[in-house]
């Protein structure tokens, strides 16, 4: 059987924004006639702000929080928890204090089921402030530095650059690749669409695991490329 797995931010939607209406209409038809799964670092509330409810319910399963909170329509299948060491939290607060990015918008440490998202600019940022941080991070590689440092200090956790402004932290092995327990990698054909496939990105572990089994990995730069690629399949 053929399955399609999709990341959300940067793959089905602009980061933290709603799905394009024309694409959503097309994708709803696609999800009606194909086996579709969604996997994202975001929680369910945020995903439902971005993905229309009919599309969410057409997905076979939606893997929230990198697969640590799993849903079938309105039914919760399983949920994980996470406890971070105080020393790791102290390092995050130190980064908040020392980062030379000049703006803070609040809600910097977001604790979700089985996942913690850390952002210097904060989840309260608007689109203009988000772009300021994106430009800053592109110049300084601040998120990559923070993720690599936290990962080296706490090897029992996976720390990955996620979305456009944050890093995701999960218990080792509890990243997006954990969803593969629900698939038959030997007999199924799987397409995975994501934008953060490079090492250190939060789509990398799942993409790498699928690629080693001969499945089709589609790294895209935005939802437009996702749509174009799907039309060509």
Foldseek 3Di string as FASTA:
>chain_A
DEEEEEEPDQAQAPFLAAGDPVSLVVVLVVLQVHAYEYEYLADPVSVCRHHPLSSCQSHCKYQYNQNQWIDRNPDTDHFAADDDDPVLVVVLVVCLVPPPPDAAQDQQWDGDGQKIKGFSNHPRDDPVVLVVQLVVCVVVVVQVVSQVVSCVVPVQWHWADERRTIIMIGGPPSGNLVVCVVDDLQPYAYEYEEAQCPPRHRCVVNQVVSVVSPHHYHHDRGNVVNSVVVVVD
